Amino acid sequence: LGIDSKELEKIRDKQIVKLQTKADDGMLENLLDLDPSKGTIVICEKLKNEFIKWNSRLNSLPEGEEKDNAQQMLDLIGKARKKYDC
């Protein structure tokens, strides 16, 4: 489609912020775009970057559903960090 990976990530993130449903542990890898076949070092680096990104968004969003969704992403990142021992 001619879309680079950074642009695709931005589009995905905008949609995640607008999610109407609660994310659960089964969605960890999909929502965080983690490949379990990658090494722990790669996964932990990805999780660190995701935390920085979502924490920044959480602090810049107004109170409401979008802010709650950003908090959900931070909670999922925390669970993933525990799962992968980061």
PDB file of N, CA and C in Angstrom:
ATOM      1  N   LEU A   1       0.804  -1.202   0.000  1.00  0.00           N
ATOM      2  CA  LEU A   1       0.000   0.000   0.000  1.00  0.00           C
ATOM      3  C   LEU A   1       0.846   1.265   0.000  1.00  0.00           C
ATOM      4  N   GLY A   2       2.133   1.114   0.172  1.00  0.00           N
ATOM      5  CA  GLY A   2       3.002   2.269   0.165  1.00  0.00           C
ATOM      6  C   GLY A   2       3.014   3.053   1.465  1.00  0.00           C
ATOM      7  N   ILE A   3       2.570   2.448   2.562  1.00  0.00           N
ATOM      8  CA  ILE A   3       2.580   3.116   3.865  1.00  0.00           C
ATOM      9  C   ILE A   3       3.769   2.583   4.650  1.00  0.00           C
ATOM     10  N   ASP A   4       4.602   3.494   5.161  1.00  0.00           N
ATOM     11  CA  ASP A   4       5.747   3.009   5.932  1.00  0.00           C
ATOM     12  C   ASP A   4       5.293   2.591   7.333  1.00  0.00           C
ATOM     13  N   SER A   5       6.128   1.842   8.027  1.00  0.00           N
ATOM     14  CA  SER A   5       5.741   1.246   9.306  1.00  0.00           C
ATOM     15  C   SER A   5       5.445   2.303  10.374  1.00  0.00           C
ATOM     16  N   LYS A   6       6.142   3.418  10.354  1.00  0.00           N
ATOM     17  CA  LYS A   6       5.889   4.481  11.339  1.00  0.00           C
ATOM     18  C   LYS A   6       4.500   5.085  11.146  1.00  0.00           C
ATOM     19  N   GLU A   7       4.118   5.306   9.906  1.00  0.00           N
ATOM     20  CA  GLU A   7       2.797   5.861   9.619  1.00  0.00           C
ATOM     21  C   GLU A   7       1.705   4.864  10.007  1.00  0.00           C
ATOM     22  N   LEU A   8       1.927   3.598   9.724  1.00  0.00           N
ATOM     23  CA  LEU A   8       0.969   2.561  10.101  1.00  0.00           C
ATOM     24  C   LEU A   8       0.810   2.496  11.617  1.00  0.00           C
ATOM     25  N   GLU A   9       1.900   2.641  12.346  1.00  0.00           N
ATOM     26  CA  GLU A   9       1.853   2.636  13.808  1.00  0.00           C
ATOM     27  C   GLU A   9       1.044   3.820  14.329  1.00  0.00           C
ATOM     28  N   LYS A  10       1.198   4.985  13.733  1.00  0.00           N
ATOM     29  CA  LYS A  10       0.431   6.158  14.140  1.00  0.00           C
ATOM     30  C   LYS A  10      -1.063   5.939  13.928  1.00  0.00           C
ATOM     31  N   ILE A  11      -1.415   5.353  12.796  1.00  0.00           N
ATOM     32  CA  ILE A  11      -2.823   5.078  12.497  1.00  0.00           C
ATOM     33  C   ILE A  11      -3.383   4.093  13.517  1.00  0.00           C
ATOM     34  N   ARG A  12      -2.623   3.026  13.802  1.00  0.00           N
ATOM     35  CA  ARG A  12      -3.051   2.003  14.764  1.00  0.00           C
ATOM     36  C   ARG A  12      -3.263   2.639  16.141  1.00  0.00           C
ATOM     37  N   ASP A  13      -2.339   3.469  16.573  1.00  0.00           N
ATOM     38  CA  ASP A  13      -2.422   4.094  17.888  1.00  0.00           C
ATOM     39  C   ASP A  13      -3.635   5.009  18.009  1.00  0.00           C
ATOM     40  N   LYS A  14      -3.942   5.739  16.947  1.00  0.00           N
ATOM     41  CA  LYS A  14      -5.113   6.617  16.971  1.00  0.00           C
ATOM     42  C   LYS A  14      -6.388   5.800  17.151  1.00  0.00           C
ATOM     43  N   GLN A  15      -6.441   4.628  16.531  1.00  0.00           N
ATOM     44  CA  GLN A  15      -7.617   3.774  16.662  1.00  0.00           C
ATOM     45  C   GLN A  15      -7.696   3.140  18.055  1.00  0.00           C
ATOM     46  N   ILE A  16      -6.565   2.773  18.625  1.00  0.00           N
ATOM     47  CA  ILE A  16      -6.549   2.176  19.960  1.00  0.00           C
ATOM     48  C   ILE A  16      -7.093   3.161  20.992  1.00  0.00           C
ATOM     49  N   VAL A  17      -6.716   4.418  20.873  1.00  0.00           N
ATOM     50  CA  VAL A  17      -7.180   5.432  21.820  1.00  0.00           C
ATOM     51  C   VAL A  17      -8.699   5.559  21.783  1.00  0.00           C
ATOM     52  N   LYS A  18      -9.309   5.243  20.649  1.00  0.00           N
ATOM     53  CA  LYS A  18     -10.756   5.390  20.494  1.00  0.00           C
ATOM     54  C   LYS A  18     -11.522   4.090  20.743  1.00  0.00           C
ATOM     55  N   LEU A  19     -10.852   3.027  21.177  1.00  0.00           N
ATOM     56  CA  LEU A  19     -11.512   1.739  21.403  1.00  0.00           C
ATOM     57  C   LEU A  19     -12.671   1.872  22.382  1.00  0.00           C
ATOM     58  N   GLN A  20     -13.728   1.158  22.130  1.00  0.00           N
ATOM     59  CA  GLN A  20     -14.905   1.182  22.981  1.00  0.00           C
ATOM     60  C   GLN A  20     -14.932  -0.003  23.951  1.00  0.00           C
ATOM     61  N   THR A  21     -14.057  -0.973  23.776  1.00  0.00           N
ATOM     62  CA  THR A  21     -14.072  -2.172  24.596  1.00  0.00           C
ATOM     63  C   THR A  21     -12.870  -2.214  25.521  1.00  0.00           C
ATOM     64  N   LYS A  22     -12.976  -3.034  26.544  1.00  0.00           N
ATOM     65  CA  LYS A  22     -11.868  -3.241  27.471  1.00  0.00           C
ATOM     66  C   LYS A  22     -10.898  -4.239  26.867  1.00  0.00           C
ATOM     67  N   ALA A  23      -9.629  -3.923  26.912  1.00  0.00           N
ATOM     68  CA  ALA A  23      -8.589  -4.832  26.441  1.00  0.00           C
ATOM     69  C   ALA A  23      -8.289  -5.830  27.542  1.00  0.00           C
ATOM     70  N   ASP A  24      -7.966  -7.060  27.152  1.00  0.00           N
ATOM     71  CA  ASP A  24      -7.639  -8.066  28.156  1.00  0.00           C
ATOM     72  C   ASP A  24      -6.278  -8.683  27.863  1.00  0.00           C
ATOM     73  N   ASP A  25      -5.851  -9.582  28.754  1.00  0.00           N
ATOM     74  CA  ASP A  25      -4.533 -10.190  28.632  1.00  0.00           C
ATOM     75  C   ASP A  25      -4.352 -10.960  27.326  1.00  0.00           C
ATOM     76  N   GLY A  26      -5.425 -11.502  26.781  1.00  0.00           N
ATOM     77  CA  GLY A  26      -5.338 -12.249  25.534  1.00  0.00           C
ATOM     78  C   GLY A  26      -4.991 -11.367  24.347  1.00  0.00           C
ATOM     79  N   MET A  27      -5.140 -10.073  24.511  1.00  0.00           N
ATOM     80  CA  MET A  27      -4.874  -9.135  23.430  1.00  0.00           C
ATOM     81  C   MET A  27      -3.477  -8.520  23.544  1.00  0.00           C
ATOM     82  N   LEU A  28      -2.727  -8.922  24.564  1.00  0.00           N
ATOM     83  CA  LEU A  28      -1.418  -8.329  24.834  1.00  0.00           C
ATOM     84  C   LEU A  28      -0.537  -8.215  23.598  1.00  0.00           C
ATOM     85  N   GLU A  29      -0.227  -9.351  23.013  1.00  0.00           N
ATOM     86  CA  GLU A  29       0.702  -9.370  21.887  1.00  0.00           C
ATOM     87  C   GLU A  29       0.158  -8.608  20.680  1.00  0.00           C
ATOM     88  N   ASN A  30      -1.141  -8.752  20.416  1.00  0.00           N
ATOM     89  CA  ASN A  30      -1.717  -8.076  19.251  1.00  0.00           C
ATOM     90  C   ASN A  30      -1.728  -6.561  19.398  1.00  0.00           C
ATOM     91  N   LEU A  31      -2.208  -6.069  20.526  1.00  0.00           N
ATOM     92  CA  LEU A  31      -2.299  -4.624  20.706  1.00  0.00           C
ATOM     93  C   LEU A  31      -0.928  -3.963  20.804  1.00  0.00           C
ATOM     94  N   LEU A  32       0.026  -4.679  21.389  1.00  0.00           N
ATOM     95  CA  LEU A  32       1.355  -4.099  21.542  1.00  0.00           C
ATOM     96  C   LEU A  32       2.276  -4.451  20.388  1.00  0.00           C
ATOM     97  N   ASP A  33       1.748  -5.184  19.413  1.00  0.00           N
ATOM     98  CA  ASP A  33       2.508  -5.580  18.228  1.00  0.00           C
ATOM     99  C   ASP A  33       3.805  -6.291  18.613  1.00  0.00           C
ATOM    100  N   LEU A  34       3.652  -7.286  19.520  1.00  0.00           N
ATOM    101  CA  LEU A  34       4.801  -8.066  19.977  1.00  0.00           C
ATOM    102  C   LEU A  34       4.854  -9.394  19.240  1.00  0.00           C
ATOM    103  N   ASP A  35       6.029  -9.804  18.878  1.00  0.00           N
ATOM    104  CA  ASP A  35       6.253 -11.098  18.254  1.00  0.00           C
ATOM    105  C   ASP A  35       6.964 -11.981  19.274  1.00  0.00           C
ATOM    106  N   PRO A  36       6.246 -12.934  19.886  1.00  0.00           N
ATOM    107  CA  PRO A  36       6.846 -13.775  20.917  1.00  0.00           C
ATOM    108  C   PRO A  36       8.070 -14.560  20.454  1.00  0.00           C
ATOM    109  N   SER A  37       8.244 -14.714  19.153  1.00  0.00           N
ATOM    110  CA  SER A  37       9.407 -15.448  18.653  1.00  0.00           C
ATOM    111  C   SER A  37      10.681 -14.599  18.695  1.00  0.00           C
ATOM    112  N   LYS A  38      10.516 -13.294  18.885  1.00  0.00           N
ATOM    113  CA  LYS A  38      11.682 -12.410  19.033  1.00  0.00           C
ATOM    114  C   LYS A  38      12.290 -12.643  20.407  1.00  0.00           C
ATOM    115  N   GLY A  39      13.511 -12.312  20.573  1.00  0.00           N
ATOM    116  CA  GLY A  39      14.181 -12.473  21.861  1.00  0.00           C
ATOM    117  C   GLY A  39      13.646 -11.517  22.907  1.00  0.00           C
ATOM    118  N   THR A  40      13.885 -11.849  24.155  1.00  0.00           N
ATOM    119  CA  THR A  40      13.429 -11.025  25.278  1.00  0.00           C
ATOM    120  C   THR A  40      13.993  -9.617  25.214  1.00  0.00           C
ATOM    121  N   ILE A  41      15.221  -9.481  24.782  1.00  0.00           N
ATOM    122  CA  ILE A  41      15.837  -8.148  24.698  1.00  0.00           C
ATOM    123  C   ILE A  41      15.063  -7.267  23.718  1.00  0.00           C
ATOM    124  N   VAL A  42      14.699  -7.812  22.576  1.00  0.00           N
ATOM    125  CA  VAL A  42      13.947  -7.054  21.561  1.00  0.00           C
ATOM    126  C   VAL A  42      12.567  -6.701  22.096  1.00  0.00           C
ATOM    127  N   ILE A  43      11.908  -7.653  22.742  1.00  0.00           N
ATOM    128  CA  ILE A  43      10.569  -7.415  23.289  1.00  0.00           C
ATOM    129  C   ILE A  43      10.622  -6.354  24.379  1.00  0.00           C
ATOM    130  N   CYS A  44      11.604  -6.449  25.268  1.00  0.00           N
ATOM    131  CA  CYS A  44      11.722  -5.468  26.357  1.00  0.00           C
ATOM    132  C   CYS A  44      12.000  -4.074  25.827  1.00  0.00           C
ATOM    133  N   GLU A  45      12.797  -3.956  24.795  1.00  0.00           N
ATOM    134  CA  GLU A  45      13.067  -2.656  24.181  1.00  0.00           C
ATOM    135  C   GLU A  45      11.790  -2.085  23.573  1.00  0.00           C
ATOM    136  N   LYS A  46      11.019  -2.926  22.896  1.00  0.00           N
ATOM    137  CA  LYS A  46       9.745  -2.502  22.305  1.00  0.00           C
ATOM    138  C   LYS A  46       8.791  -2.034  23.408  1.00  0.00           C
ATOM    139  N   LEU A  47       8.726  -2.787  24.515  1.00  0.00           N
ATOM    140  CA  LEU A  47       7.849  -2.412  25.617  1.00  0.00           C
ATOM    141  C   LEU A  47       8.280  -1.100  26.265  1.00  0.00           C
ATOM    142  N   LYS A  48       9.569  -0.864  26.372  1.00  0.00           N
ATOM    143  CA  LYS A  48      10.069   0.390  26.926  1.00  0.00           C
ATOM    144  C   LYS A  48       9.624   1.560  26.052  1.00  0.00           C
ATOM    145  N   ASN A  49       9.769   1.395  24.734  1.00  0.00           N
ATOM    146  CA  ASN A  49       9.359   2.455  23.811  1.00  0.00           C
ATOM    147  C   ASN A  49       7.854   2.689  23.838  1.00  0.00           C
ATOM    148  N   GLU A  50       7.073   1.593  23.928  1.00  0.00           N
ATOM    149  CA  GLU A  50       5.620   1.718  24.015  1.00  0.00           C
ATOM    150  C   GLU A  50       5.214   2.442  25.305  1.00  0.00           C
ATOM    151  N   PHE A  51       5.888   2.124  26.411  1.00  0.00           N
ATOM    152  CA  PHE A  51       5.579   2.789  27.677  1.00  0.00           C
ATOM    153  C   PHE A  51       5.825   4.289  27.563  1.00  0.00           C
ATOM    154  N   ILE A  52       6.953   4.669  27.020  1.00  0.00           N
ATOM    155  CA  ILE A  52       7.284   6.087  26.870  1.00  0.00           C
ATOM    156  C   ILE A  52       6.215   6.783  26.028  1.00  0.00           C
ATOM    157  N   LYS A  53       5.838   6.155  24.930  1.00  0.00           N
ATOM    158  CA  LYS A  53       4.845   6.747  24.015  1.00  0.00           C
ATOM    159  C   LYS A  53       3.493   6.909  24.706  1.00  0.00           C
ATOM    160  N   TRP A  54       2.996   5.831  25.341  1.00  0.00           N
ATOM    161  CA  TRP A  54       1.665   5.889  25.940  1.00  0.00           C
ATOM    162  C   TRP A  54       1.637   6.733  27.208  1.00  0.00           C
ATOM    163  N   ASN A  55       2.708   6.750  27.972  1.00  0.00           N
ATOM    164  CA  ASN A  55       2.760   7.596  29.162  1.00  0.00           C
ATOM    165  C   ASN A  55       2.699   9.071  28.767  1.00  0.00           C
ATOM    166  N   SER A  56       3.380   9.420  27.694  1.00  0.00           N
ATOM    167  CA  SER A  56       3.337  10.789  27.189  1.00  0.00           C
ATOM    168  C   SER A  56       1.920  11.159  26.753  1.00  0.00           C
ATOM    169  N   ARG A  57       1.264  10.247  26.069  1.00  0.00           N
ATOM    170  CA  ARG A  57      -0.111  10.512  25.623  1.00  0.00           C
ATOM    171  C   ARG A  57      -1.062  10.632  26.797  1.00  0.00           C
ATOM    172  N   LEU A  58      -0.881   9.767  27.791  1.00  0.00           N
ATOM    173  CA  LEU A  58      -1.752   9.803  28.961  1.00  0.00           C
ATOM    174  C   LEU A  58      -1.706  11.186  29.604  1.00  0.00           C
ATOM    175  N   ASN A  59      -0.516  11.754  29.683  1.00  0.00           N
ATOM    176  CA  ASN A  59      -0.355  13.052  30.325  1.00  0.00           C
ATOM    177  C   ASN A  59      -0.838  14.212  29.476  1.00  0.00           C
ATOM    178  N   SER A  60      -1.047  13.985  28.192  1.00  0.00           N
ATOM    179  CA  SER A  60      -1.474  15.087  27.327  1.00  0.00           C
ATOM    180  C   SER A  60      -2.955  15.032  26.949  1.00  0.00           C
ATOM    181  N   LEU A  61      -3.607  13.904  27.215  1.00  0.00           N
ATOM    182  CA  LEU A  61      -5.022  13.774  26.851  1.00  0.00           C
ATOM    183  C   LEU A  61      -5.919  14.371  27.931  1.00  0.00           C
ATOM    184  N   PRO A  62      -7.056  14.959  27.520  1.00  0.00           N
ATOM    185  CA  PRO A  62      -8.010  15.448  28.521  1.00  0.00           C
ATOM    186  C   PRO A  62      -8.714  14.259  29.188  1.00  0.00           C
ATOM    187  N   GLU A  63      -9.296  14.497  30.352  1.00  0.00           N
ATOM    188  CA  GLU A  63     -10.039  13.451  31.050  1.00  0.00           C
ATOM    189  C   GLU A  63     -11.126  12.911  30.131  1.00  0.00           C
ATOM    190  N   GLY A  64     -11.353  11.613  30.200  1.00  0.00           N
ATOM    191  CA  GLY A  64     -12.398  11.013  29.391  1.00  0.00           C
ATOM    192  C   GLY A  64     -11.986   9.654  28.861  1.00  0.00           C
ATOM    193  N   GLU A  65     -12.727   9.193  27.878  1.00  0.00           N
ATOM    194  CA  GLU A  65     -12.556   7.845  27.338  1.00  0.00           C
ATOM    195  C   GLU A  65     -11.177   7.628  26.712  1.00  0.00           C
ATOM    196  N   GLU A  66     -10.683   8.598  25.982  1.00  0.00           N
ATOM    197  CA  GLU A  66      -9.372   8.436  25.341  1.00  0.00           C
ATOM    198  C   GLU A  66      -8.266   8.304  26.392  1.00  0.00           C
ATOM    199  N   LYS A  67      -8.358   9.083  27.457  1.00  0.00           N
ATOM    200  CA  LYS A  67      -7.370   8.997  28.518  1.00  0.00           C
ATOM    201  C   LYS A  67      -7.466   7.640  29.213  1.00  0.00           C
ATOM    202  N   ASP A  68      -8.685   7.153  29.414  1.00  0.00           N
ATOM    203  CA  ASP A  68      -8.886   5.827  30.016  1.00  0.00           C
ATOM    204  C   ASP A  68      -8.281   4.734  29.140  1.00  0.00           C
ATOM    205  N   ASN A  69      -8.422   4.861  27.836  1.00  0.00           N
ATOM    206  CA  ASN A  69      -7.845   3.872  26.915  1.00  0.00           C
ATOM    207  C   ASN A  69      -6.321   3.919  26.936  1.00  0.00           C
ATOM    208  N   ALA A  70      -5.763   5.097  27.059  1.00  0.00           N
ATOM    209  CA  ALA A  70      -4.300   5.212  27.168  1.00  0.00           C
ATOM    210  C   ALA A  70      -3.828   4.547  28.458  1.00  0.00           C
ATOM    211  N   GLN A  71      -4.597   4.709  29.533  1.00  0.00           N
ATOM    212  CA  GLN A  71      -4.246   4.057  30.797  1.00  0.00           C
ATOM    213  C   GLN A  71      -4.326   2.537  30.655  1.00  0.00           C
ATOM    214  N   GLN A  72      -5.317   2.053  29.915  1.00  0.00           N
ATOM    215  CA  GLN A  72      -5.429   0.613  29.653  1.00  0.00           C
ATOM    216  C   GLN A  72      -4.190   0.094  28.929  1.00  0.00           C
ATOM    217  N   MET A  73      -3.703   0.866  27.976  1.00  0.00           N
ATOM    218  CA  MET A  73      -2.497   0.455  27.262  1.00  0.00           C
ATOM    219  C   MET A  73      -1.309   0.395  28.217  1.00  0.00           C
ATOM    220  N   LEU A  74      -1.190   1.356  29.115  1.00  0.00           N
ATOM    221  CA  LEU A  74      -0.104   1.328  30.090  1.00  0.00           C
ATOM    222  C   LEU A  74      -0.236   0.110  31.009  1.00  0.00           C
ATOM    223  N   ASP A  75      -1.467  -0.228  31.375  1.00  0.00           N
ATOM    224  CA  ASP A  75      -1.685  -1.413  32.202  1.00  0.00           C
ATOM    225  C   ASP A  75      -1.273  -2.681  31.456  1.00  0.00           C
ATOM    226  N   LEU A  76      -1.615  -2.757  30.164  1.00  0.00           N
ATOM    227  CA  LEU A  76      -1.214  -3.911  29.350  1.00  0.00           C
ATOM    228  C   LEU A  76       0.304  -3.992  29.208  1.00  0.00           C
ATOM    229  N   ILE A  77       0.930  -2.860  29.050  1.00  0.00           N
ATOM    230  CA  ILE A  77       2.399  -2.832  28.946  1.00  0.00           C
ATOM    231  C   ILE A  77       3.009  -3.359  30.238  1.00  0.00           C
ATOM    232  N   GLY A  78       2.438  -2.958  31.370  1.00  0.00           N
ATOM    233  CA  GLY A  78       2.920  -3.447  32.653  1.00  0.00           C
ATOM    234  C   GLY A  78       2.790  -4.958  32.764  1.00  0.00           C
ATOM    235  N   LYS A  79       1.656  -5.496  32.325  1.00  0.00           N
ATOM    236  CA  LYS A  79       1.450  -6.947  32.354  1.00  0.00           C
ATOM    237  C   LYS A  79       2.436  -7.655  31.428  1.00  0.00           C
ATOM    238  N   ALA A  80       2.668  -7.054  30.266  1.00  0.00           N
ATOM    239  CA  ALA A  80       3.606  -7.661  29.312  1.00  0.00           C
ATOM    240  C   ALA A  80       5.024  -7.640  29.880  1.00  0.00           C
ATOM    241  N   ARG A  81       5.376  -6.560  30.558  1.00  0.00           N
ATOM    242  CA  ARG A  81       6.711  -6.478  31.163  1.00  0.00           C
ATOM    243  C   ARG A  81       6.892  -7.569  32.209  1.00  0.00           C
ATOM    244  N   LYS A  82       5.855  -7.846  32.963  1.00  0.00           N
ATOM    245  CA  LYS A  82       5.911  -8.944  33.940  1.00  0.00           C
ATOM    246  C   LYS A  82       6.022 -10.288  33.227  1.00  0.00           C
ATOM    247  N   LYS A  83       5.204 -10.461  32.192  1.00  0.00           N
ATOM    248  CA  LYS A  83       5.192 -11.726  31.452  1.00  0.00           C
ATOM    249  C   LYS A  83       6.553 -12.034  30.844  1.00  0.00           C
ATOM    250  N   TYR A  84       7.204 -11.020  30.285  1.00  0.00           N
ATOM    251  CA  TYR A  84       8.490 -11.215  29.622  1.00  0.00           C
ATOM    252  C   TYR A  84       9.676 -10.878  30.525  1.00  0.00           C
ATOM    253  N   ASP A  85       9.393 -10.634  31.800  1.00  0.00           N
ATOM    254  CA  ASP A  85      10.421 -10.385  32.813  1.00  0.00           C
ATOM    255  C   ASP A  85      11.346  -9.234  32.417  1.00  0.00           C
ATOM    256  N   CYS A  86      10.736  -8.102  32.072  1.00  0.00           N
ATOM    257  CA  CYS A  86      11.513  -6.920  31.660  1.00  0.00           C
ATOM    258  C   CYS A  86      11.734  -5.983  32.839  1.00  0.00           C
TER     259      CYS A  86
END
